[in-house]
Amino acid sequence: MTVSTSTVAEAPSGPPAGTAISLRGLSKHFGEVRAVDGVDLDIADGEFFSMLGPSGSGKTTVLRLIAGFEQVTAGTIELAGEDVTGRAPFDRDVNTVFQDYALFPHMSVLDNVAYGLRVRGVKKAARRKQATEALGTVQLAHLADRRPGQLSGGQRQRIALARAIVVRPKVLLLDEPLGALDLKLREQMQVELKQLQRDLGITFVFVTHDQEEALTLSDRVAVFSDGKIVQLGTPREIYEHPTTEYVASFVGTSNIFDPAASQRLFGRDGTHALRPEKVALGAPGTTAAGDGVISAEGVISESIYLGTGHRIHVLLDDGTRLVVLEQSIGGRTRREQRGETVVATWSLDDLVPLA
């Protein structure tokens, strides 16, 4: 699998074998705005791939270009090795699930799911059978006769998925489909969505601004900024080894040490990131720096209870601000108080150098 942005001089000559989607030099301009700016990307068959970024980063525009809802300014789009750049949406073997689900309120659940088959000319008996099977896949066959307005948000989301998969597309595009759900239901649907993708073996391309969602669901993640991919990798690679300050700060929380702080605290050149859970706190005199361990004294400026632990803000004596995530072990954590003097320690191995 390969990826590059417009900063790379030469793109690969062609996609690797087993590639579901291949983008080369993909750009989309709206007037002077470069919404997508020279993206090269290959997505494998059967991969759960997420495009992660804030609003305006270009991720949704890339999805719409793949679907054919927008026309490219430059570049090419291949699906299973076939150039579809100029094709209409209905002439591409993809289907899209939107955040608002776009179900027909006057149709039954079964007719909603069967609609795509009806458009393709599948006969009534066959399409009802296939729609019922698709409903069974999302465990909602018992709701076939209801209308969308009689369903919960999670049920409507699954109906939209059933309608998308019933036509057996090679690629399923999902545009923040969980964004309208409450936290508990969203977490439940994340598990169900990942299991569904494994069962079907269809390539899923998932757009989200939720970092935890991308890390939870994906085989690989592309982090977008200003129309470009700034880092591509597995969820673990993205979280444990961010390459830039932007990725370190956007994906989760990081302590960023600028070059001056890096030299002052641990004698290294450049900018470094440190995840809050990698830092331990102790009382003065109870911890000591050893080989490869940094120790710095400071004062707690804020302690926030999270249920699973505390997020603690520490102002170090040199003026550096540090965020520490202290998890509850056995249901208990130390009772840090504002104004308390503590010693923060972390391993040099946990520091990530940033470009």
Protein backbone atom coordinates (compact mmCIF):
# COMPACT_ATOMS: atom_id res chain seq x y z
CA MET A 1 0.00 0.00 0.00
CA THR A 2 1.37 3.43 -0.87
CA VAL A 3 0.43 6.99 -0.20
CA SER A 4 1.82 10.39 -1.01
CA THR A 5 0.71 13.97 -1.26
CA SER A 6 1.62 16.72 -3.69
CA THR A 7 4.94 17.19 -1.89
CA VAL A 8 6.17 13.88 -3.32
CA ALA A 9 7.85 14.31 -6.67
CA GLU A 10 6.93 10.99 -8.30
CA ALA A 11 3.78 8.90 -7.68
CA PRO A 12 3.83 5.10 -8.06
CA SER A 13 3.32 3.93 -11.64
CA GLY A 14 0.26 1.86 -10.75
CA PRO A 15 -1.73 0.43 -7.85
CA PRO A 16 -0.64 -2.80 -6.15
CA ALA A 17 -2.53 -6.02 -6.83
CA GLY A 18 -5.73 -6.42 -4.83
CA THR A 19 -6.43 -2.69 -4.79
CA ALA A 20 -10.07 -1.61 -4.48
CA ILE A 21 -9.49 2.15 -4.90
CA SER A 22 -6.54 3.96 -6.45
CA LEU A 23 -6.26 7.75 -6.46
CA ARG A 24 -3.51 9.49 -8.41
CA GLY A 25 -2.87 13.24 -8.28
CA LEU A 26 -6.44 13.77 -7.09
CA SER A 27 -7.36 17.45 -6.79
CA LYS A 28 -10.56 19.42 -6.39
CA HIS A 29 -10.62 23.21 -6.44
CA PHE A 30 -13.58 25.44 -5.60
CA GLY A 31 -12.44 28.76 -7.03
CA GLU A 32 -9.26 29.65 -5.17
CA VAL A 33 -9.86 27.00 -2.50
CA ARG A 34 -7.92 23.74 -2.92
CA ALA A 35 -10.27 21.39 -1.10
CA VAL A 36 -8.22 18.37 -2.24
CA ASP A 37 -4.64 18.99 -3.26
CA GLY A 38 -2.76 16.26 -5.14
CA VAL A 39 -3.66 13.13 -3.15
CA ASP A 40 -2.20 9.72 -4.10
CA LEU A 41 -3.72 6.77 -2.24
CA ASP A 42 -4.32 3.02 -2.61
CA ILE A 43 -6.99 1.22 -0.55
CA ALA A 44 -6.91 -2.58 -0.48
CA ASP A 45 -9.74 -5.00 -1.19
CA GLY A 46 -11.63 -5.81 2.01
CA GLU A 47 -9.93 -3.05 4.02
CA PHE A 48 -11.68 -0.89 6.61
CA PHE A 49 -10.09 2.44 5.75
CA SER A 50 -10.81 5.70 7.56
CA MET A 51 -10.22 9.28 6.45
CA LEU A 52 -9.82 11.39 9.57
CA GLY A 53 -9.65 15.16 9.89
CA PRO A 54 -11.44 18.29 11.08
CA SER A 55 -14.06 20.15 9.05
CA GLY A 56 -12.55 21.59 5.89
CA SER A 57 -9.62 19.17 5.78
CA GLY A 58 -10.73 17.59 2.49
CA LYS A 59 -11.77 14.12 3.67
CA THR A 60 -15.46 14.39 2.72
CA THR A 61 -14.61 15.92 -0.66
CA VAL A 62 -12.37 12.91 -1.41
CA LEU A 63 -15.29 10.61 -0.53
CA ARG A 64 -17.63 12.56 -2.81
CA LEU A 65 -15.08 12.41 -5.64
CA ILE A 66 -14.83 8.62 -5.27
CA ALA A 67 -18.64 8.37 -5.29
CA GLY A 68 -18.90 10.63 -8.35
CA PHE A 69 -20.94 13.34 -6.62
CA GLU A 70 -18.16 15.83 -7.44
CA GLN A 71 -16.03 16.02 -10.58
CA VAL A 72 -12.25 16.14 -10.23
CA THR A 73 -10.20 19.20 -11.11
CA ALA A 74 -7.19 17.00 -11.80
CA GLY A 75 -6.11 13.40 -11.29
CA THR A 76 -7.67 9.97 -11.70
CA ILE A 77 -9.87 7.56 -9.76
CA GLU A 78 -9.66 3.81 -10.36
CA LEU A 79 -12.00 1.20 -8.87
CA ALA A 80 -10.66 -2.36 -9.07
CA GLY A 81 -8.18 -1.22 -11.72
CA GLU A 82 -10.80 0.49 -13.91
CA ASP A 83 -10.67 4.24 -14.53
CA VAL A 84 -14.01 5.74 -13.42
CA THR A 85 -12.90 9.37 -13.21
CA GLY A 86 -15.51 10.69 -15.63
CA ARG A 87 -18.31 8.27 -14.83
CA ALA A 88 -21.63 9.18 -13.23
CA PRO A 89 -22.35 7.96 -9.67
CA PHE A 90 -24.76 5.24 -10.85
CA ASP A 91 -22.06 3.84 -13.13
CA ARG A 92 -19.60 3.14 -10.29
CA ASP A 93 -19.64 -0.04 -8.21
CA VAL A 94 -19.87 1.85 -4.93
CA ASN A 95 -22.64 2.78 -2.54
CA THR A 96 -22.81 5.56 0.05
CA VAL A 97 -24.29 5.78 3.55
CA PHE A 98 -24.85 9.36 4.71
CA GLN A 99 -25.11 10.80 8.22
CA ASP A 100 -28.82 11.57 7.81
CA TYR A 101 -29.50 8.05 6.34
CA ALA A 102 -31.82 9.52 3.62
CA LEU A 103 -34.54 6.89 4.11
CA PHE A 104 -37.88 7.32 2.34
CA PRO A 105 -40.42 8.09 5.12
CA HIS A 106 -43.45 6.87 3.11
CA MET A 107 -41.93 3.44 2.40
CA SER A 108 -41.72 0.43 4.66
CA VAL A 109 -38.33 -0.70 5.92
CA LEU A 110 -38.35 -3.59 3.45
CA ASP A 111 -39.18 -1.33 0.50
CA ASN A 112 -36.46 1.11 1.55
CA VAL A 113 -33.88 -1.67 1.53
CA ALA A 114 -35.16 -3.06 -1.77
CA TYR A 115 -35.18 0.32 -3.53
CA GLY A 116 -31.72 -0.03 -5.08
CA LEU A 117 -32.64 -3.42 -6.50
CA ARG A 118 -35.88 -1.97 -7.88
CA VAL A 119 -33.94 0.75 -9.71
CA ARG A 120 -31.70 -1.96 -11.19
CA GLY A 121 -34.73 -3.80 -12.57
CA VAL A 122 -34.67 -6.79 -10.21
CA LYS A 123 -38.07 -8.51 -10.15
CA LYS A 124 -40.29 -8.05 -7.12
CA ALA A 125 -40.01 -11.54 -5.63
CA ALA A 126 -36.23 -11.60 -6.00
CA ARG A 127 -35.70 -8.13 -4.57
CA ARG A 128 -37.95 -8.83 -1.56
CA LYS A 129 -35.96 -11.99 -0.86
CA GLN A 130 -32.62 -10.19 -1.14
CA ALA A 131 -33.87 -7.25 0.95
CA THR A 132 -35.06 -9.63 3.67
CA GLU A 133 -31.65 -11.31 3.70
CA ALA A 134 -29.94 -7.90 4.00
CA LEU A 135 -32.21 -7.01 6.92
CA GLY A 136 -31.24 -10.29 8.53
CA THR A 137 -27.58 -9.34 8.16
CA VAL A 138 -28.17 -6.26 10.33
CA GLN A 139 -30.55 -8.23 12.61
CA LEU A 140 -33.66 -6.20 11.78
CA ALA A 141 -35.74 -8.58 9.65
CA HIS A 142 -38.52 -8.40 12.27
CA LEU A 143 -39.00 -4.68 11.49
CA ALA A 144 -39.56 -5.14 7.74
CA ASP A 145 -43.12 -3.73 7.78
CA ARG A 146 -42.43 -0.63 9.87
CA ARG A 147 -41.82 2.88 8.58
CA PRO A 148 -38.53 4.71 9.28
CA GLY A 149 -40.31 7.15 11.62
CA GLN A 150 -41.15 4.26 13.93
CA LEU A 151 -37.50 3.30 14.43
CA SER A 152 -34.75 4.47 16.76
CA GLY A 153 -31.66 6.25 15.49
CA GLY A 154 -29.57 3.10 15.71
CA GLN A 155 -32.18 1.07 13.85
CA ARG A 156 -32.39 3.66 11.07
CA GLN A 157 -28.62 3.58 10.78
CA ARG A 158 -28.69 -0.20 10.31
CA ILE A 159 -31.50 0.08 7.76
CA ALA A 160 -29.38 2.52 5.76
CA LEU A 161 -26.53 0.01 5.90
CA ALA A 162 -28.81 -2.81 4.74
CA ARG A 163 -30.01 -0.69 1.81
CA ALA A 164 -26.41 0.04 0.85
CA ILE A 165 -25.14 -3.56 1.04
CA VAL A 166 -28.12 -5.28 -0.61
CA VAL A 167 -26.77 -4.40 -4.08
CA ARG A 168 -23.40 -5.92 -3.11
CA PRO A 169 -21.12 -3.00 -4.02
CA LYS A 170 -17.40 -3.63 -4.09
CA VAL A 171 -16.88 -0.48 -2.03
CA LEU A 172 -19.08 1.04 0.66
CA LEU A 173 -18.53 4.74 1.40
CA LEU A 174 -19.66 5.96 4.82
CA ASP A 175 -19.91 9.71 5.45
CA GLU A 176 -19.90 10.13 9.26
CA PRO A 177 -22.83 7.68 9.59
CA LEU A 178 -22.61 7.56 13.41
CA GLY A 179 -22.41 11.31 13.98
CA ALA A 180 -26.09 11.75 14.87
CA LEU A 181 -26.14 9.00 17.52
CA ASP A 182 -25.68 9.43 21.25
CA LEU A 183 -22.43 8.23 22.82
CA LYS A 184 -23.66 4.86 24.11
CA LEU A 185 -25.37 3.92 20.86
CA ARG A 186 -22.41 5.15 18.82
CA GLU A 187 -20.05 2.87 20.75
CA GLN A 188 -22.42 -0.07 20.24
CA MET A 189 -22.71 0.65 16.51
CA GLN A 190 -18.92 0.85 16.15
CA VAL A 191 -18.67 -2.78 17.27
CA GLU A 192 -21.54 -3.85 14.99
CA LEU A 193 -20.15 -1.94 12.01
CA LYS A 194 -16.72 -3.53 12.30
CA GLN A 195 -18.24 -7.01 12.64
CA LEU A 196 -20.49 -6.38 9.63
CA GLN A 197 -17.53 -5.33 7.51
CA ARG A 198 -15.63 -8.49 8.47
CA ASP A 199 -18.61 -10.69 7.68
CA LEU A 200 -19.25 -9.09 4.28
CA GLY A 201 -15.63 -8.68 3.20
CA ILE A 202 -16.54 -5.41 1.44
CA THR A 203 -14.10 -2.50 1.33
CA PHE A 204 -15.34 0.20 3.72
CA VAL A 205 -14.16 3.80 3.35
CA PHE A 206 -15.19 5.68 6.46
CA VAL A 207 -15.09 9.47 6.91
CA THR A 208 -15.01 10.84 10.44
CA HIS A 209 -13.72 13.71 12.55
CA ASP A 210 -13.83 11.49 15.67
CA GLN A 211 -10.32 10.27 16.47
CA GLU A 212 -11.44 7.48 18.80
CA GLU A 213 -13.88 6.21 16.17
CA ALA A 214 -11.16 6.05 13.52
CA LEU A 215 -8.73 4.26 15.86
CA THR A 216 -11.42 1.79 16.99
CA LEU A 217 -12.72 0.76 13.57
CA SER A 218 -9.91 1.00 11.06
CA ASP A 219 -7.29 -1.23 9.53
CA ARG A 220 -5.58 1.96 8.37
CA VAL A 221 -6.16 5.67 8.86
CA ALA A 222 -5.32 8.65 6.65
CA VAL A 223 -5.10 11.91 8.59
CA PHE A 224 -6.10 14.91 6.47
CA SER A 225 -5.18 18.58 6.71
CA ASP A 226 -5.63 21.34 4.12
CA GLY A 227 -6.62 18.91 1.38
CA LYS A 228 -3.63 16.61 1.86
CA ILE A 229 -2.83 13.39 3.67
CA VAL A 230 -0.32 14.29 6.37
CA GLN A 231 0.08 10.78 7.77
CA LEU A 232 -1.07 7.30 6.79
CA GLY A 233 -0.75 4.17 8.89
CA THR A 234 -2.38 1.68 11.20
CA PRO A 235 -4.22 3.10 14.23
CA ARG A 236 -1.29 2.08 16.44
CA GLU A 237 1.24 3.76 14.15
CA ILE A 238 -0.79 6.96 13.99
CA TYR A 239 -1.24 7.13 17.76
CA GLU A 240 2.12 5.84 18.98
CA HIS A 241 4.30 7.44 16.28
CA PRO A 242 2.79 10.71 15.02
CA THR A 243 5.11 12.37 12.55
CA THR A 244 4.04 16.00 13.01
CA GLU A 245 2.78 18.26 15.76
CA TYR A 246 -0.57 18.47 13.95
CA VAL A 247 -1.11 14.68 14.06
CA ALA A 248 0.17 14.41 17.65
CA SER A 249 -2.29 17.09 18.79
CA PHE A 250 -5.29 16.12 16.64
CA VAL A 251 -5.23 12.36 17.23
CA GLY A 252 -5.67 12.13 20.97
CA THR A 253 -3.87 14.43 23.40
CA SER A 254 -0.13 15.04 23.45
CA ASN A 255 2.30 17.10 25.45
CA ILE A 256 4.35 19.02 22.89
CA PHE A 257 7.86 20.09 23.91
CA ASP A 258 9.25 22.77 21.61
CA PRO A 259 13.03 22.78 20.91
CA ALA A 260 13.77 25.02 23.91
CA ALA A 261 11.78 22.84 26.33
CA SER A 262 13.28 19.67 24.83
CA GLN A 263 16.80 20.94 25.48
CA ARG A 264 15.92 22.22 28.95
CA LEU A 265 14.14 19.10 30.21
CA PHE A 266 15.93 16.20 28.54
CA GLY A 267 18.77 17.60 26.45
CA ARG A 268 17.45 16.73 22.99
CA ASP A 269 17.23 18.85 19.85
CA GLY A 270 13.97 19.42 18.02
CA THR A 271 10.29 19.17 18.95
CA HIS A 272 8.94 16.13 20.79
CA ALA A 273 5.56 14.67 21.75
CA LEU A 274 4.67 12.74 24.89
CA ARG A 275 1.30 11.08 25.50
CA PRO A 276 -0.32 11.92 28.88
CA GLU A 277 -0.66 8.26 29.90
CA LYS A 278 3.12 7.84 29.63
CA VAL A 279 3.70 10.23 32.56
CA ALA A 280 3.64 9.13 36.21
CA LEU A 281 3.20 11.43 39.22
CA GLY A 282 4.63 11.02 42.68
CA ALA A 283 5.30 13.03 45.80
CA PRO A 284 8.61 14.90 46.08
CA GLY A 285 11.33 12.65 47.43
CA THR A 286 9.54 9.43 46.45
CA THR A 287 10.77 9.28 42.85
CA ALA A 288 14.20 9.63 41.36
CA ALA A 289 15.43 9.84 37.80
CA GLY A 290 17.42 6.87 36.57
CA ASP A 291 18.97 5.82 33.30
CA GLY A 292 16.62 6.86 30.52
CA VAL A 293 14.10 8.39 32.96
CA ILE A 294 13.32 12.09 33.25
CA SER A 295 12.09 13.61 36.50
CA ALA A 296 10.66 17.13 36.84
CA GLU A 297 8.99 18.84 39.78
CA GLY A 298 5.90 21.00 39.46
CA VAL A 299 2.54 22.03 40.91
CA ILE A 300 -0.91 20.70 40.01
CA SER A 301 -2.96 23.47 38.41
CA GLU A 302 -6.07 21.37 37.68
CA SER A 303 -7.37 17.87 38.34
CA ILE A 304 -10.38 16.64 36.35
CA TYR A 305 -12.24 13.46 37.30
CA LEU A 306 -13.07 11.31 34.24
CA GLY A 307 -14.63 8.25 35.85
CA THR A 308 -11.89 5.97 34.53
CA GLY A 309 -9.26 8.18 36.13
CA HIS A 310 -8.06 11.80 36.31
CA ARG A 311 -6.72 14.25 33.76
CA ILE A 312 -4.18 16.29 35.69
CA HIS A 313 -2.58 19.54 34.55
CA VAL A 314 0.86 20.21 36.02
CA LEU A 315 2.87 23.42 35.79
CA LEU A 316 6.52 22.37 35.94
CA ASP A 317 9.06 24.57 37.70
CA ASP A 318 10.60 25.62 34.37
CA GLY A 319 7.23 26.94 33.15
CA THR A 320 6.34 23.94 30.94
CA ARG A 321 2.70 22.82 31.16
CA LEU A 322 2.14 19.06 31.29
CA VAL A 323 -1.04 17.00 30.97
CA VAL A 324 -1.07 13.65 32.78
CA LEU A 325 -3.67 10.89 32.44
CA GLU A 326 -3.79 8.84 35.61
CA GLN A 327 -6.04 5.80 35.33
CA SER A 328 -7.99 4.18 38.12
CA ILE A 329 -6.41 0.90 39.12
CA GLY A 330 -8.66 -1.30 41.21
CA GLY A 331 -11.19 1.54 41.30
CA ARG A 332 -8.86 3.99 43.04
CA THR A 333 -6.48 6.79 42.11
CA ARG A 334 -4.41 9.13 44.22
CA ARG A 335 -6.35 12.21 45.29
CA GLU A 336 -4.37 14.93 43.56
CA GLN A 337 -5.38 18.43 44.60
CA ARG A 338 -4.78 21.79 42.99
CA GLY A 339 -1.69 23.41 44.44
CA GLU A 340 -0.10 20.09 45.41
CA THR A 341 3.61 19.76 44.60
CA VAL A 342 4.39 16.62 42.59
CA VAL A 343 7.20 15.05 40.61
CA ALA A 344 6.45 13.98 37.04
CA THR A 345 8.51 11.17 35.56
CA TRP A 346 8.60 9.63 32.10
CA SER A 347 10.87 7.47 29.98
CA LEU A 348 12.99 8.93 27.21
CA ASP A 349 11.81 5.97 25.09
CA ASP A 350 8.25 7.39 25.18
CA LEU A 351 9.27 10.68 23.58
CA VAL A 352 8.34 10.93 19.87
CA PRO A 353 10.43 13.29 17.71
CA LEU A 354 8.27 15.41 15.41
CA ALA A 355 9.02 16.91 12.02
